[in-house]
Amino acid sequence: MTNMMTALVCDRISEDLSGVPFCSVERPEPGEGEALIRVRAAGLNFPDILMLSGEVPIQTCSVGCGVIANKRHFPPTIPASILSDNVVVCWCARMSG
């Protein structure tokens, strides 16, 4: 697995989505008890658009689905068979202006 991945990155606030290009970024390393998810689909919701346009500083939540790609730091009680399991994820980030 390469150390790079493709991501949508907000590099500037804009009225359209021109400030959110696809970029090559370093793949994160999962920490203790974390898993790396290979995202196959992710939502872009109205609150995300408001945040990207600079309309409001908000706490945003997004959803996605994918497969477990790495469980390096999971406890030994979690079976290796979960690798490639399909998952749905919800993550939240506090945004401020």
N, C-alpha and C. Protein backbone atom coordinates (compact mmCIF):
# COMPACT_ATOMS: atom_id res chain seq x y z
N MET A 1 0.86 -1.17 0.00
CA MET A 1 0.00 0.00 0.00
C MET A 1 0.90 1.24 0.00
N THR A 2 0.64 2.16 -0.90
CA THR A 2 1.42 3.38 -0.98
C THR A 2 1.19 4.27 0.23
N ASN A 3 2.13 5.16 0.50
CA ASN A 3 2.03 6.06 1.64
C ASN A 3 1.21 7.31 1.33
N MET A 4 0.74 7.44 0.09
CA MET A 4 -0.03 8.62 -0.33
C MET A 4 -1.46 8.20 -0.65
N MET A 5 -2.37 9.17 -0.54
CA MET A 5 -3.77 8.93 -0.89
C MET A 5 -4.34 10.21 -1.50
N THR A 6 -5.48 10.10 -2.14
CA THR A 6 -6.16 11.25 -2.72
C THR A 6 -7.23 11.72 -1.75
N ALA A 7 -7.32 13.05 -1.56
CA ALA A 7 -8.30 13.61 -0.64
C ALA A 7 -8.82 14.93 -1.18
N LEU A 8 -10.06 15.27 -0.84
CA LEU A 8 -10.57 16.61 -1.08
C LEU A 8 -10.05 17.49 0.05
N VAL A 9 -9.37 18.58 -0.28
CA VAL A 9 -8.75 19.44 0.74
C VAL A 9 -9.25 20.86 0.54
N CYS A 10 -9.78 21.47 1.60
CA CYS A 10 -10.21 22.86 1.54
C CYS A 10 -8.97 23.72 1.73
N ASP A 11 -8.45 24.30 0.63
CA ASP A 11 -7.25 25.13 0.73
C ASP A 11 -7.57 26.62 0.77
N ARG A 12 -8.83 26.97 0.50
CA ARG A 12 -9.26 28.37 0.62
C ARG A 12 -10.78 28.42 0.60
N ILE A 13 -11.33 29.45 1.23
CA ILE A 13 -12.78 29.67 1.24
C ILE A 13 -13.16 30.30 -0.10
N SER A 14 -14.22 29.79 -0.71
CA SER A 14 -14.69 30.34 -1.99
C SER A 14 -16.19 30.19 -2.09
N GLU A 15 -16.81 30.99 -2.96
CA GLU A 15 -18.27 30.92 -3.13
C GLU A 15 -18.71 29.65 -3.84
N ASP A 16 -17.81 29.07 -4.61
CA ASP A 16 -18.11 27.79 -5.26
C ASP A 16 -17.15 26.75 -4.67
N LEU A 17 -17.03 25.62 -5.26
CA LEU A 17 -16.16 24.58 -4.73
C LEU A 17 -14.74 24.62 -5.32
N SER A 18 -14.36 25.74 -5.94
CA SER A 18 -13.03 25.83 -6.54
C SER A 18 -11.92 25.80 -5.50
N GLY A 19 -12.23 26.08 -4.24
CA GLY A 19 -11.23 26.02 -3.18
C GLY A 19 -11.09 24.65 -2.55
N VAL A 20 -11.71 23.64 -3.18
CA VAL A 20 -11.68 22.28 -2.63
C VAL A 20 -11.19 21.31 -3.71
N PRO A 21 -9.89 21.36 -4.02
CA PRO A 21 -9.38 20.47 -5.07
C PRO A 21 -9.06 19.07 -4.53
N PHE A 22 -8.97 18.10 -5.44
CA PHE A 22 -8.43 16.80 -5.09
C PHE A 22 -6.92 16.96 -4.98
N CYS A 23 -6.34 16.46 -3.89
CA CYS A 23 -4.90 16.57 -3.66
C CYS A 23 -4.33 15.22 -3.25
N SER A 24 -3.06 15.05 -3.49
CA SER A 24 -2.34 13.89 -3.00
C SER A 24 -1.79 14.25 -1.63
N VAL A 25 -2.17 13.48 -0.60
CA VAL A 25 -1.74 13.76 0.78
C VAL A 25 -1.18 12.48 1.38
N GLU A 26 -0.40 12.64 2.44
CA GLU A 26 0.17 11.49 3.13
C GLU A 26 -0.92 10.71 3.85
N ARG A 27 -0.87 9.40 3.71
CA ARG A 27 -1.86 8.53 4.35
C ARG A 27 -1.63 8.55 5.86
N PRO A 28 -2.69 8.76 6.67
CA PRO A 28 -2.51 8.78 8.13
C PRO A 28 -2.19 7.39 8.66
N GLU A 29 -1.46 7.35 9.74
CA GLU A 29 -1.12 6.10 10.42
C GLU A 29 -2.10 5.93 11.57
N PRO A 30 -2.86 4.82 11.62
CA PRO A 30 -3.81 4.64 12.72
C PRO A 30 -3.09 4.55 14.06
N GLY A 31 -3.70 5.17 15.07
CA GLY A 31 -3.16 5.11 16.42
C GLY A 31 -3.72 3.93 17.19
N GLU A 32 -3.45 3.90 18.47
CA GLU A 32 -3.90 2.81 19.34
C GLU A 32 -5.42 2.66 19.28
N GLY A 33 -5.88 1.46 18.95
CA GLY A 33 -7.30 1.18 18.90
C GLY A 33 -8.03 1.76 17.70
N GLU A 34 -7.30 2.29 16.72
CA GLU A 34 -7.90 2.89 15.53
C GLU A 34 -7.71 1.99 14.32
N ALA A 35 -8.54 2.20 13.33
CA ALA A 35 -8.43 1.45 12.08
C ALA A 35 -8.36 2.45 10.93
N LEU A 36 -7.66 2.08 9.89
CA LEU A 36 -7.63 2.88 8.66
C LEU A 36 -8.76 2.38 7.78
N ILE A 37 -9.64 3.29 7.36
CA ILE A 37 -10.78 2.95 6.51
C ILE A 37 -10.49 3.42 5.09
N ARG A 38 -10.59 2.53 4.12
CA ARG A 38 -10.49 2.90 2.72
C ARG A 38 -11.88 3.36 2.30
N VAL A 39 -12.07 4.69 2.22
CA VAL A 39 -13.39 5.27 1.95
C VAL A 39 -13.74 5.05 0.48
N ARG A 40 -14.93 4.50 0.26
CA ARG A 40 -15.43 4.27 -1.10
C ARG A 40 -16.45 5.32 -1.51
N ALA A 41 -17.15 5.91 -0.52
CA ALA A 41 -18.13 6.97 -0.79
C ALA A 41 -18.24 7.84 0.45
N ALA A 42 -18.37 9.15 0.24
CA ALA A 42 -18.52 10.09 1.36
C ALA A 42 -19.57 11.12 1.00
N GLY A 43 -20.27 11.61 2.02
CA GLY A 43 -21.31 12.61 1.79
C GLY A 43 -20.75 14.02 1.81
N LEU A 44 -21.32 14.87 1.00
CA LEU A 44 -21.05 16.31 1.03
C LEU A 44 -22.41 16.95 1.28
N ASN A 45 -22.60 17.47 2.50
CA ASN A 45 -23.90 17.93 2.95
C ASN A 45 -23.98 19.46 2.93
N PHE A 46 -25.20 19.98 3.06
CA PHE A 46 -25.41 21.42 3.03
C PHE A 46 -24.57 22.16 4.07
N PRO A 47 -24.47 21.68 5.32
CA PRO A 47 -23.59 22.36 6.27
C PRO A 47 -22.13 22.41 5.81
N ASP A 48 -21.68 21.37 5.10
CA ASP A 48 -20.32 21.37 4.56
C ASP A 48 -20.15 22.50 3.55
N ILE A 49 -21.15 22.69 2.68
CA ILE A 49 -21.11 23.76 1.69
C ILE A 49 -21.07 25.12 2.37
N LEU A 50 -21.88 25.31 3.42
CA LEU A 50 -21.86 26.58 4.16
C LEU A 50 -20.49 26.85 4.76
N MET A 51 -19.87 25.83 5.34
CA MET A 51 -18.55 25.99 5.93
C MET A 51 -17.51 26.30 4.86
N LEU A 52 -17.56 25.59 3.74
CA LEU A 52 -16.57 25.79 2.67
C LEU A 52 -16.70 27.15 2.02
N SER A 53 -17.91 27.73 2.03
CA SER A 53 -18.11 29.05 1.43
C SER A 53 -17.83 30.17 2.42
N GLY A 54 -17.54 29.82 3.68
CA GLY A 54 -17.25 30.83 4.69
C GLY A 54 -18.49 31.47 5.28
N GLU A 55 -19.67 30.90 4.99
CA GLU A 55 -20.93 31.47 5.48
C GLU A 55 -21.02 31.42 7.00
N VAL A 56 -20.71 30.28 7.57
CA VAL A 56 -20.82 30.13 9.02
C VAL A 56 -19.72 29.21 9.54
N PRO A 57 -19.15 29.54 10.71
CA PRO A 57 -18.26 28.57 11.36
C PRO A 57 -19.14 27.58 12.12
N ILE A 58 -19.09 26.33 11.77
CA ILE A 58 -20.01 25.35 12.34
C ILE A 58 -19.27 24.09 12.74
N GLN A 59 -19.97 23.28 13.50
CA GLN A 59 -19.48 21.92 13.74
C GLN A 59 -20.14 21.08 12.66
N THR A 60 -19.35 20.39 11.88
CA THR A 60 -19.89 19.62 10.78
C THR A 60 -19.68 18.13 11.03
N CYS A 61 -20.62 17.35 10.59
CA CYS A 61 -20.52 15.90 10.64
C CYS A 61 -20.70 15.37 9.23
N SER A 62 -19.95 14.37 8.90
CA SER A 62 -20.06 13.76 7.59
C SER A 62 -20.20 12.26 7.73
N VAL A 63 -20.65 11.64 6.68
CA VAL A 63 -20.82 10.20 6.67
C VAL A 63 -20.09 9.62 5.48
N GLY A 64 -19.77 8.36 5.58
CA GLY A 64 -19.12 7.68 4.47
C GLY A 64 -19.22 6.18 4.67
N CYS A 65 -18.76 5.47 3.67
CA CYS A 65 -18.69 4.02 3.78
C CYS A 65 -17.43 3.54 3.09
N GLY A 66 -16.96 2.40 3.51
CA GLY A 66 -15.73 1.86 2.95
C GLY A 66 -15.42 0.51 3.54
N VAL A 67 -14.13 0.17 3.54
CA VAL A 67 -13.67 -1.11 4.08
C VAL A 67 -12.52 -0.87 5.04
N ILE A 68 -12.39 -1.74 6.04
CA ILE A 68 -11.27 -1.65 6.98
C ILE A 68 -10.01 -2.09 6.25
N ALA A 69 -9.02 -1.18 6.18
CA ALA A 69 -7.80 -1.46 5.44
C ALA A 69 -6.63 -1.83 6.34
N ASN A 70 -6.68 -1.43 7.62
CA ASN A 70 -5.54 -1.66 8.51
C ASN A 70 -6.06 -1.62 9.95
N LYS A 71 -5.68 -2.60 10.74
CA LYS A 71 -6.07 -2.63 12.15
C LYS A 71 -4.84 -2.85 13.02
N ARG A 72 -3.75 -2.27 12.61
CA ARG A 72 -2.44 -2.53 13.22
C ARG A 72 -2.45 -2.42 14.75
N HIS A 73 -3.15 -1.45 15.30
CA HIS A 73 -3.07 -1.21 16.73
C HIS A 73 -4.31 -1.67 17.49
N PHE A 74 -5.14 -2.51 16.88
CA PHE A 74 -6.30 -3.04 17.59
C PHE A 74 -5.84 -4.03 18.65
N PRO A 75 -6.63 -4.19 19.71
CA PRO A 75 -6.29 -5.21 20.72
C PRO A 75 -6.29 -6.60 20.07
N PRO A 76 -5.51 -7.53 20.59
CA PRO A 76 -5.44 -8.88 20.00
C PRO A 76 -6.78 -9.61 20.04
N THR A 77 -7.72 -9.14 20.85
CA THR A 77 -9.03 -9.80 20.91
C THR A 77 -9.88 -9.53 19.67
N ILE A 78 -9.50 -8.53 18.85
CA ILE A 78 -10.23 -8.23 17.61
C ILE A 78 -9.64 -9.12 16.51
N PRO A 79 -10.46 -9.96 15.88
CA PRO A 79 -9.92 -10.92 14.91
C PRO A 79 -9.42 -10.24 13.63
N ALA A 80 -8.38 -10.82 13.04
CA ALA A 80 -7.82 -10.31 11.78
C ALA A 80 -8.84 -10.40 10.66
N SER A 81 -9.87 -11.22 10.84
CA SER A 81 -10.87 -11.41 9.78
C SER A 81 -11.69 -10.15 9.51
N ILE A 82 -11.58 -9.11 10.38
CA ILE A 82 -12.35 -7.89 10.12
C ILE A 82 -11.75 -7.08 8.98
N LEU A 83 -10.48 -7.36 8.62
CA LEU A 83 -9.90 -6.65 7.48
C LEU A 83 -10.76 -6.89 6.25
N SER A 84 -11.01 -5.86 5.52
CA SER A 84 -11.88 -5.87 4.33
C SER A 84 -13.36 -5.93 4.67
N ASP A 85 -13.73 -5.85 5.95
CA ASP A 85 -15.14 -5.77 6.31
C ASP A 85 -15.70 -4.42 5.85
N ASN A 86 -16.93 -4.41 5.37
CA ASN A 86 -17.60 -3.16 5.00
C ASN A 86 -18.04 -2.43 6.26
N VAL A 87 -17.87 -1.11 6.26
CA VAL A 87 -18.25 -0.30 7.41
C VAL A 87 -18.93 0.98 6.96
N VAL A 88 -19.75 1.55 7.83
CA VAL A 88 -20.33 2.89 7.67
C VAL A 88 -19.74 3.72 8.78
N VAL A 89 -19.27 4.92 8.44
CA VAL A 89 -18.64 5.77 9.44
C VAL A 89 -19.32 7.14 9.50
N CYS A 90 -19.26 7.75 10.66
CA CYS A 90 -19.73 9.11 10.87
C CYS A 90 -18.64 9.82 11.66
N TRP A 91 -18.13 10.93 11.15
CA TRP A 91 -17.10 11.64 11.87
C TRP A 91 -17.49 13.11 11.98
N CYS A 92 -17.09 13.71 13.08
CA CYS A 92 -17.42 15.10 13.35
C CYS A 92 -16.14 15.89 13.57
N ALA A 93 -16.15 17.12 13.12
CA ALA A 93 -15.01 18.03 13.33
C ALA A 93 -15.57 19.38 13.74
N ARG A 94 -15.00 19.95 14.77
CA ARG A 94 -15.45 21.27 15.20
C ARG A 94 -14.72 22.31 14.37
N MET A 95 -15.46 23.13 13.68
CA MET A 95 -14.91 24.18 12.84
C MET A 95 -15.15 25.52 13.52
N SER A 96 -14.21 26.41 13.43
CA SER A 96 -14.40 27.75 14.02
C SER A 96 -13.83 28.78 13.08
N GLY A 97 -14.34 29.99 13.18
CA GLY A 97 -13.93 31.03 12.25
C GLY A 97 -12.98 32.02 12.83
